[in-house]
N, C-alpha and C. Protein backbone atom coordinates (compact mmCIF):
# COMPACT_ATOMS: atom_id res chain seq x y z
N MET A 1 -10.00 -19.10 -8.52
CA MET A 1 -9.72 -18.56 -7.19
C MET A 1 -8.52 -17.62 -7.26
N LYS A 2 -8.68 -16.45 -6.68
CA LYS A 2 -7.58 -15.48 -6.65
C LYS A 2 -6.54 -15.90 -5.61
N ASN A 3 -5.31 -15.52 -5.88
CA ASN A 3 -4.26 -15.76 -4.90
C ASN A 3 -3.87 -14.42 -4.27
N ILE A 4 -2.96 -14.45 -3.31
CA ILE A 4 -2.58 -13.26 -2.58
C ILE A 4 -2.01 -12.18 -3.51
N PHE A 5 -1.31 -12.60 -4.54
CA PHE A 5 -0.72 -11.62 -5.46
C PHE A 5 -1.80 -10.87 -6.25
N ASP A 6 -2.85 -11.59 -6.64
CA ASP A 6 -3.97 -10.97 -7.38
C ASP A 6 -4.65 -9.90 -6.53
N VAL A 7 -4.95 -10.24 -5.28
CA VAL A 7 -5.69 -9.29 -4.43
C VAL A 7 -4.82 -8.10 -4.03
N LEU A 8 -3.53 -8.33 -3.84
CA LEU A 8 -2.63 -7.21 -3.54
C LEU A 8 -2.52 -6.28 -4.75
N LYS A 9 -2.42 -6.85 -5.95
CA LYS A 9 -2.34 -6.02 -7.17
C LYS A 9 -3.62 -5.21 -7.36
N ASP A 10 -4.77 -5.77 -7.01
CA ASP A 10 -6.03 -5.02 -7.10
C ASP A 10 -5.98 -3.79 -6.19
N SER A 11 -5.51 -3.97 -4.97
CA SER A 11 -5.40 -2.85 -4.04
C SER A 11 -4.36 -1.85 -4.53
N HIS A 12 -3.25 -2.34 -5.06
CA HIS A 12 -2.21 -1.45 -5.60
C HIS A 12 -2.77 -0.57 -6.71
N GLU A 13 -3.58 -1.17 -7.58
CA GLU A 13 -4.16 -0.41 -8.69
C GLU A 13 -5.11 0.67 -8.15
N LYS A 14 -5.89 0.32 -7.15
CA LYS A 14 -6.80 1.29 -6.54
C LYS A 14 -6.00 2.46 -5.95
N GLN A 15 -4.89 2.15 -5.28
CA GLN A 15 -4.04 3.19 -4.70
C GLN A 15 -3.49 4.11 -5.79
N ARG A 16 -3.03 3.53 -6.88
CA ARG A 16 -2.49 4.34 -7.98
C ARG A 16 -3.56 5.28 -8.56
N LEU A 17 -4.76 4.74 -8.76
CA LEU A 17 -5.86 5.55 -9.31
C LEU A 17 -6.24 6.69 -8.37
N LEU A 18 -6.32 6.40 -7.09
CA LEU A 18 -6.67 7.44 -6.11
C LEU A 18 -5.60 8.53 -6.04
N MET A 19 -4.34 8.15 -6.09
CA MET A 19 -3.26 9.15 -6.06
C MET A 19 -3.31 10.03 -7.30
N ASP A 20 -3.51 9.42 -8.46
CA ASP A 20 -3.59 10.19 -9.70
C ASP A 20 -4.77 11.16 -9.66
N ALA A 21 -5.91 10.67 -9.22
CA ALA A 21 -7.10 11.52 -9.13
C ALA A 21 -6.87 12.66 -8.15
N LEU A 22 -6.26 12.36 -7.04
CA LEU A 22 -5.99 13.36 -6.01
C LEU A 22 -5.08 14.47 -6.52
N LEU A 23 -4.08 14.10 -7.27
CA LEU A 23 -3.14 15.11 -7.78
C LEU A 23 -3.73 15.95 -8.91
N GLN A 24 -4.88 15.57 -9.40
CA GLN A 24 -5.54 16.37 -10.44
C GLN A 24 -6.61 17.29 -9.87
N THR A 25 -6.67 17.42 -8.55
CA THR A 25 -7.70 18.24 -7.90
C THR A 25 -7.18 19.64 -7.60
N SER A 26 -6.60 20.30 -8.54
CA SER A 26 -6.04 21.63 -8.29
C SER A 26 -7.15 22.63 -7.94
N GLY A 27 -7.08 23.16 -6.73
CA GLY A 27 -8.02 24.18 -6.30
C GLY A 27 -9.34 23.66 -5.76
N ASP A 28 -9.71 22.43 -6.04
CA ASP A 28 -10.97 21.88 -5.57
C ASP A 28 -10.71 21.11 -4.27
N THR A 29 -10.75 21.84 -3.15
CA THR A 29 -10.39 21.21 -1.88
C THR A 29 -11.41 20.19 -1.42
N GLN A 30 -12.67 20.34 -1.83
CA GLN A 30 -13.67 19.33 -1.42
C GLN A 30 -13.37 17.99 -2.08
N ALA A 31 -13.12 18.01 -3.39
CA ALA A 31 -12.76 16.77 -4.10
C ALA A 31 -11.44 16.23 -3.57
N ARG A 32 -10.51 17.13 -3.32
CA ARG A 32 -9.20 16.73 -2.79
C ARG A 32 -9.38 16.01 -1.45
N GLN A 33 -10.23 16.56 -0.59
CA GLN A 33 -10.46 15.96 0.72
C GLN A 33 -11.11 14.58 0.58
N GLU A 34 -12.08 14.46 -0.32
CA GLU A 34 -12.76 13.17 -0.51
C GLU A 34 -11.79 12.11 -1.03
N PHE A 35 -10.98 12.48 -2.03
CA PHE A 35 -10.00 11.51 -2.56
C PHE A 35 -8.95 11.16 -1.50
N TYR A 36 -8.54 12.17 -0.73
CA TYR A 36 -7.52 11.92 0.30
C TYR A 36 -8.05 10.97 1.37
N ILE A 37 -9.28 11.18 1.81
CA ILE A 37 -9.87 10.28 2.82
C ILE A 37 -9.91 8.85 2.28
N SER A 38 -10.32 8.70 1.03
CA SER A 38 -10.37 7.36 0.42
C SER A 38 -8.97 6.75 0.30
N LEU A 39 -8.01 7.56 -0.13
CA LEU A 39 -6.64 7.08 -0.28
C LEU A 39 -6.05 6.68 1.07
N LYS A 40 -6.19 7.53 2.06
CA LYS A 40 -5.64 7.24 3.39
C LYS A 40 -6.26 5.96 3.95
N ASP A 41 -7.56 5.82 3.78
CA ASP A 41 -8.25 4.62 4.26
C ASP A 41 -7.72 3.38 3.55
N GLU A 42 -7.57 3.46 2.23
CA GLU A 42 -7.06 2.32 1.46
C GLU A 42 -5.62 1.98 1.87
N LEU A 43 -4.77 2.99 1.99
CA LEU A 43 -3.37 2.75 2.36
C LEU A 43 -3.26 2.15 3.76
N THR A 44 -4.05 2.67 4.68
CA THR A 44 -3.99 2.20 6.06
C THR A 44 -4.49 0.76 6.18
N LYS A 45 -5.66 0.49 5.62
CA LYS A 45 -6.22 -0.87 5.67
C LYS A 45 -5.31 -1.85 4.93
N HIS A 46 -4.79 -1.42 3.78
CA HIS A 46 -3.92 -2.28 2.98
C HIS A 46 -2.66 -2.66 3.77
N ALA A 47 -2.03 -1.67 4.40
CA ALA A 47 -0.79 -1.94 5.13
C ALA A 47 -1.02 -2.94 6.26
N ILE A 48 -2.10 -2.75 7.00
CA ILE A 48 -2.39 -3.66 8.12
C ILE A 48 -2.67 -5.07 7.60
N ALA A 49 -3.55 -5.17 6.61
CA ALA A 49 -3.91 -6.49 6.08
C ALA A 49 -2.71 -7.15 5.40
N GLU A 50 -1.91 -6.36 4.70
CA GLU A 50 -0.73 -6.91 4.03
C GLU A 50 0.29 -7.42 5.04
N GLU A 51 0.50 -6.67 6.11
CA GLU A 51 1.46 -7.11 7.12
C GLU A 51 0.98 -8.40 7.80
N ARG A 52 -0.32 -8.52 8.02
CA ARG A 52 -0.85 -9.71 8.68
C ARG A 52 -0.91 -10.92 7.76
N HIS A 53 -1.30 -10.70 6.52
CA HIS A 53 -1.63 -11.83 5.64
C HIS A 53 -0.68 -12.01 4.46
N PHE A 54 0.40 -11.26 4.43
CA PHE A 54 1.42 -11.47 3.40
C PHE A 54 2.79 -11.47 4.07
N TYR A 55 3.11 -10.40 4.78
CA TYR A 55 4.42 -10.30 5.40
C TYR A 55 4.61 -11.26 6.58
N ALA A 56 3.60 -11.43 7.42
CA ALA A 56 3.75 -12.28 8.61
C ALA A 56 4.21 -13.70 8.26
N PRO A 57 3.58 -14.37 7.29
CA PRO A 57 4.07 -15.72 6.97
C PRO A 57 5.45 -15.70 6.29
N LEU A 58 5.75 -14.60 5.60
CA LEU A 58 7.03 -14.53 4.90
C LEU A 58 8.21 -14.23 5.82
N ILE A 59 7.94 -13.60 6.95
CA ILE A 59 9.03 -13.25 7.86
C ILE A 59 9.65 -14.49 8.50
N GLU A 60 8.92 -15.60 8.42
CA GLU A 60 9.41 -16.85 9.01
C GLU A 60 10.45 -17.56 8.14
N SER A 61 10.57 -17.14 6.88
CA SER A 61 11.51 -17.79 5.97
C SER A 61 12.79 -16.97 5.83
N ASP A 62 13.93 -17.65 5.87
CA ASP A 62 15.21 -16.98 5.66
C ASP A 62 15.27 -16.31 4.28
N GLN A 63 14.60 -16.92 3.31
CA GLN A 63 14.59 -16.38 1.94
C GLN A 63 13.92 -15.02 1.85
N SER A 64 12.94 -14.77 2.72
CA SER A 64 12.13 -13.56 2.56
C SER A 64 12.13 -12.63 3.78
N ILE A 65 12.91 -12.93 4.79
CA ILE A 65 12.87 -12.09 6.00
C ILE A 65 13.35 -10.66 5.73
N ASP A 66 14.44 -10.50 4.97
CA ASP A 66 14.97 -9.15 4.72
C ASP A 66 13.98 -8.30 3.93
N MET A 67 13.38 -8.87 2.89
CA MET A 67 12.42 -8.10 2.09
C MET A 67 11.19 -7.76 2.91
N THR A 68 10.81 -8.67 3.79
CA THR A 68 9.64 -8.43 4.64
C THR A 68 9.90 -7.27 5.59
N ARG A 69 11.02 -7.27 6.22
CA ARG A 69 11.37 -6.17 7.12
C ARG A 69 11.46 -4.85 6.36
N HIS A 70 12.00 -4.90 5.17
CA HIS A 70 12.10 -3.70 4.32
C HIS A 70 10.70 -3.18 3.97
N GLY A 71 9.81 -4.07 3.59
CA GLY A 71 8.44 -3.66 3.23
C GLY A 71 7.71 -3.03 4.39
N ILE A 72 7.86 -3.60 5.58
CA ILE A 72 7.23 -3.05 6.77
C ILE A 72 7.81 -1.67 7.09
N ALA A 73 9.11 -1.51 6.93
CA ALA A 73 9.74 -0.20 7.16
C ALA A 73 9.19 0.83 6.18
N GLU A 74 8.97 0.42 4.93
CA GLU A 74 8.39 1.36 3.96
C GLU A 74 6.97 1.75 4.34
N HIS A 75 6.21 0.83 4.90
CA HIS A 75 4.87 1.17 5.39
C HIS A 75 4.95 2.27 6.44
N HIS A 76 5.94 2.18 7.33
CA HIS A 76 6.10 3.20 8.37
C HIS A 76 6.47 4.55 7.76
N GLY A 77 7.30 4.55 6.72
CA GLY A 77 7.64 5.80 6.03
C GLY A 77 6.42 6.43 5.39
N ILE A 78 5.56 5.61 4.82
CA ILE A 78 4.32 6.10 4.21
C ILE A 78 3.41 6.68 5.30
N ASP A 79 3.32 6.00 6.44
CA ASP A 79 2.52 6.50 7.57
C ASP A 79 2.99 7.88 8.03
N LYS A 80 4.30 8.09 8.05
CA LYS A 80 4.85 9.39 8.47
C LYS A 80 4.41 10.50 7.52
N VAL A 81 4.43 10.23 6.22
CA VAL A 81 4.01 11.26 5.26
C VAL A 81 2.51 11.51 5.39
N LEU A 82 1.73 10.46 5.60
CA LEU A 82 0.28 10.65 5.82
C LEU A 82 0.03 11.54 7.04
N SER A 83 0.80 11.35 8.08
CA SER A 83 0.66 12.16 9.28
C SER A 83 0.99 13.63 8.98
N GLN A 84 2.03 13.85 8.19
CA GLN A 84 2.39 15.22 7.80
C GLN A 84 1.28 15.84 6.95
N LEU A 85 0.70 15.06 6.05
CA LEU A 85 -0.40 15.56 5.23
C LEU A 85 -1.59 15.94 6.11
N ASP A 86 -1.87 15.11 7.12
CA ASP A 86 -2.98 15.40 8.04
C ASP A 86 -2.78 16.72 8.76
N ASP A 87 -1.52 17.06 9.04
CA ASP A 87 -1.19 18.27 9.80
C ASP A 87 -0.98 19.51 8.93
N THR A 88 -1.20 19.38 7.61
CA THR A 88 -0.95 20.48 6.68
C THR A 88 -2.26 20.88 6.00
N ASP A 89 -2.47 22.17 5.85
CA ASP A 89 -3.67 22.67 5.17
C ASP A 89 -3.65 22.24 3.71
N MET A 90 -4.78 21.67 3.26
CA MET A 90 -4.87 21.14 1.89
C MET A 90 -4.71 22.20 0.81
N SER A 91 -4.98 23.44 1.14
CA SER A 91 -4.87 24.50 0.13
C SER A 91 -3.45 25.06 0.04
N SER A 92 -2.58 24.60 0.92
CA SER A 92 -1.21 25.09 0.95
C SER A 92 -0.35 24.38 -0.10
N PRO A 93 0.60 25.11 -0.69
CA PRO A 93 1.52 24.46 -1.65
C PRO A 93 2.33 23.33 -1.00
N THR A 94 2.57 23.43 0.30
CA THR A 94 3.31 22.38 1.03
C THR A 94 2.55 21.07 0.98
N TRP A 95 1.21 21.14 1.03
CA TRP A 95 0.41 19.93 1.01
C TRP A 95 0.63 19.17 -0.31
N LEU A 96 0.64 19.90 -1.40
CA LEU A 96 0.85 19.29 -2.71
C LEU A 96 2.24 18.66 -2.82
N ILE A 97 3.23 19.33 -2.25
CA ILE A 97 4.60 18.78 -2.25
C ILE A 97 4.63 17.48 -1.45
N LEU A 98 3.98 17.48 -0.29
CA LEU A 98 3.92 16.27 0.53
C LEU A 98 3.16 15.15 -0.20
N MET A 99 2.10 15.52 -0.90
CA MET A 99 1.32 14.51 -1.64
C MET A 99 2.17 13.88 -2.74
N LYS A 100 2.99 14.68 -3.39
CA LYS A 100 3.89 14.14 -4.42
C LYS A 100 4.95 13.23 -3.79
N THR A 101 5.40 13.59 -2.59
CA THR A 101 6.34 12.73 -1.86
C THR A 101 5.67 11.40 -1.51
N LEU A 102 4.43 11.47 -1.05
CA LEU A 102 3.68 10.25 -0.74
C LEU A 102 3.55 9.38 -1.98
N LYS A 103 3.17 9.99 -3.09
CA LYS A 103 2.99 9.24 -4.34
C LYS A 103 4.29 8.53 -4.72
N HIS A 104 5.40 9.24 -4.61
CA HIS A 104 6.69 8.65 -4.94
C HIS A 104 6.99 7.45 -4.03
N LYS A 105 6.79 7.61 -2.73
CA LYS A 105 7.06 6.52 -1.78
C LYS A 105 6.15 5.31 -2.03
N VAL A 106 4.87 5.59 -2.25
CA VAL A 106 3.92 4.50 -2.47
C VAL A 106 4.24 3.77 -3.78
N GLU A 107 4.47 4.53 -4.85
CA GLU A 107 4.78 3.88 -6.14
C GLU A 107 6.06 3.07 -6.07
N HIS A 108 7.06 3.58 -5.38
CA HIS A 108 8.31 2.82 -5.21
C HIS A 108 8.02 1.50 -4.48
N HIS A 109 7.24 1.59 -3.42
CA HIS A 109 6.90 0.41 -2.62
C HIS A 109 6.12 -0.62 -3.45
N LEU A 110 5.13 -0.15 -4.19
CA LEU A 110 4.30 -1.05 -4.99
C LEU A 110 5.12 -1.73 -6.08
N GLU A 111 5.96 -0.95 -6.76
CA GLU A 111 6.80 -1.53 -7.82
C GLU A 111 7.77 -2.56 -7.26
N GLU A 112 8.34 -2.24 -6.11
CA GLU A 112 9.29 -3.17 -5.50
C GLU A 112 8.58 -4.48 -5.13
N GLU A 113 7.39 -4.37 -4.56
CA GLU A 113 6.64 -5.57 -4.22
C GLU A 113 6.32 -6.39 -5.47
N GLU A 114 5.76 -5.72 -6.48
CA GLU A 114 5.30 -6.43 -7.67
C GLU A 114 6.45 -7.01 -8.48
N GLN A 115 7.58 -6.34 -8.51
CA GLN A 115 8.68 -6.79 -9.36
C GLN A 115 9.70 -7.67 -8.64
N ARG A 116 9.79 -7.54 -7.31
CA ARG A 116 10.80 -8.34 -6.59
C ARG A 116 10.19 -9.22 -5.50
N PHE A 117 9.38 -8.62 -4.63
CA PHE A 117 8.86 -9.37 -3.49
C PHE A 117 7.97 -10.52 -3.93
N PHE A 118 7.12 -10.27 -4.90
CA PHE A 118 6.18 -11.31 -5.32
C PHE A 118 6.91 -12.54 -5.85
N GLN A 119 8.02 -12.33 -6.54
CA GLN A 119 8.78 -13.46 -7.07
C GLN A 119 9.35 -14.31 -5.93
N THR A 120 9.93 -13.64 -4.95
CA THR A 120 10.48 -14.38 -3.81
C THR A 120 9.37 -15.08 -3.04
N ALA A 121 8.29 -14.36 -2.78
CA ALA A 121 7.15 -14.94 -2.05
C ALA A 121 6.56 -16.12 -2.80
N GLY A 122 6.58 -16.05 -4.14
CA GLY A 122 6.07 -17.14 -4.95
C GLY A 122 6.84 -18.43 -4.74
N ARG A 123 8.11 -18.31 -4.39
CA ARG A 123 8.93 -19.49 -4.12
C ARG A 123 8.76 -19.98 -2.68
N VAL A 124 8.41 -19.08 -1.78
CA VAL A 124 8.30 -19.41 -0.36
C VAL A 124 6.93 -20.02 -0.03
N LEU A 125 5.88 -19.47 -0.62
CA LEU A 125 4.51 -19.90 -0.32
C LEU A 125 4.05 -20.97 -1.30
N ASP A 126 3.29 -21.94 -0.83
CA ASP A 126 2.72 -22.93 -1.76
C ASP A 126 1.36 -22.43 -2.26
N ALA A 127 0.80 -23.12 -3.23
CA ALA A 127 -0.45 -22.68 -3.88
C ALA A 127 -1.60 -22.53 -2.87
N GLU A 128 -1.71 -23.47 -1.96
CA GLU A 128 -2.79 -23.40 -0.97
C GLU A 128 -2.62 -22.18 -0.06
N GLN A 129 -1.40 -21.92 0.37
CA GLN A 129 -1.14 -20.74 1.21
C GLN A 129 -1.51 -19.46 0.47
N LYS A 130 -1.16 -19.39 -0.81
CA LYS A 130 -1.44 -18.19 -1.60
C LYS A 130 -2.94 -17.91 -1.66
N GLU A 131 -3.74 -18.95 -1.79
CA GLU A 131 -5.20 -18.78 -1.85
C GLU A 131 -5.78 -18.47 -0.47
N THR A 132 -5.29 -19.15 0.55
CA THR A 132 -5.76 -18.91 1.92
C THR A 132 -5.44 -17.48 2.35
N LEU A 133 -4.23 -17.03 2.07
CA LEU A 133 -3.84 -15.67 2.44
C LEU A 133 -4.69 -14.64 1.70
N ALA A 134 -5.04 -14.93 0.44
CA ALA A 134 -5.90 -14.03 -0.33
C ALA A 134 -7.26 -13.89 0.33
N ARG A 135 -7.84 -15.01 0.75
CA ARG A 135 -9.15 -14.97 1.42
C ARG A 135 -9.08 -14.17 2.72
N LYS A 136 -8.03 -14.39 3.49
CA LYS A 136 -7.88 -13.66 4.76
C LYS A 136 -7.67 -12.17 4.51
N TYR A 137 -6.87 -11.84 3.51
CA TYR A 137 -6.63 -10.44 3.16
C TYR A 137 -7.94 -9.76 2.75
N GLU A 138 -8.68 -10.41 1.87
CA GLU A 138 -9.94 -9.83 1.38
C GLU A 138 -10.95 -9.67 2.51
N LYS A 139 -11.00 -10.63 3.41
CA LYS A 139 -11.92 -10.54 4.55
C LYS A 139 -11.58 -9.33 5.42
N GLU A 140 -10.30 -9.14 5.67
CA GLU A 140 -9.88 -7.99 6.49
C GLU A 140 -10.14 -6.67 5.79
N MET A 141 -9.97 -6.63 4.49
CA MET A 141 -10.17 -5.38 3.74
C MET A 141 -11.66 -5.02 3.63
N ALA A 142 -12.55 -6.02 3.76
CA ALA A 142 -13.99 -5.77 3.61
C ALA A 142 -14.59 -4.99 4.76
């Protein structure tokens, strides 16, 4: 049975692959648009499901409240860059600069979660909670 960390890492890997693929679409705006739609969908669904099924139970603990608030704030920063990307023509050099900014923000967030947040959450959540949260997260992502 997968736990919450396993399913979050799966989504993180998908996000990394989509960002890499997207940044390799020089001049091919159709492929760029397809990858961007997939990436935006994954980031949006992931943030909502993660806030509900990972951050929500962690915000109740003194051990993890600060990291939880920080993670949610980073989600909002990512949303702002997505909004800027939506408002910018994909063939413009500005779009590529914004996409690189998004990649930097997302990678920073994912690394911070995987290297710091998961360790703290591992101490706060018990084994049953980790599995239950994974099932709820996967159900929401489906």
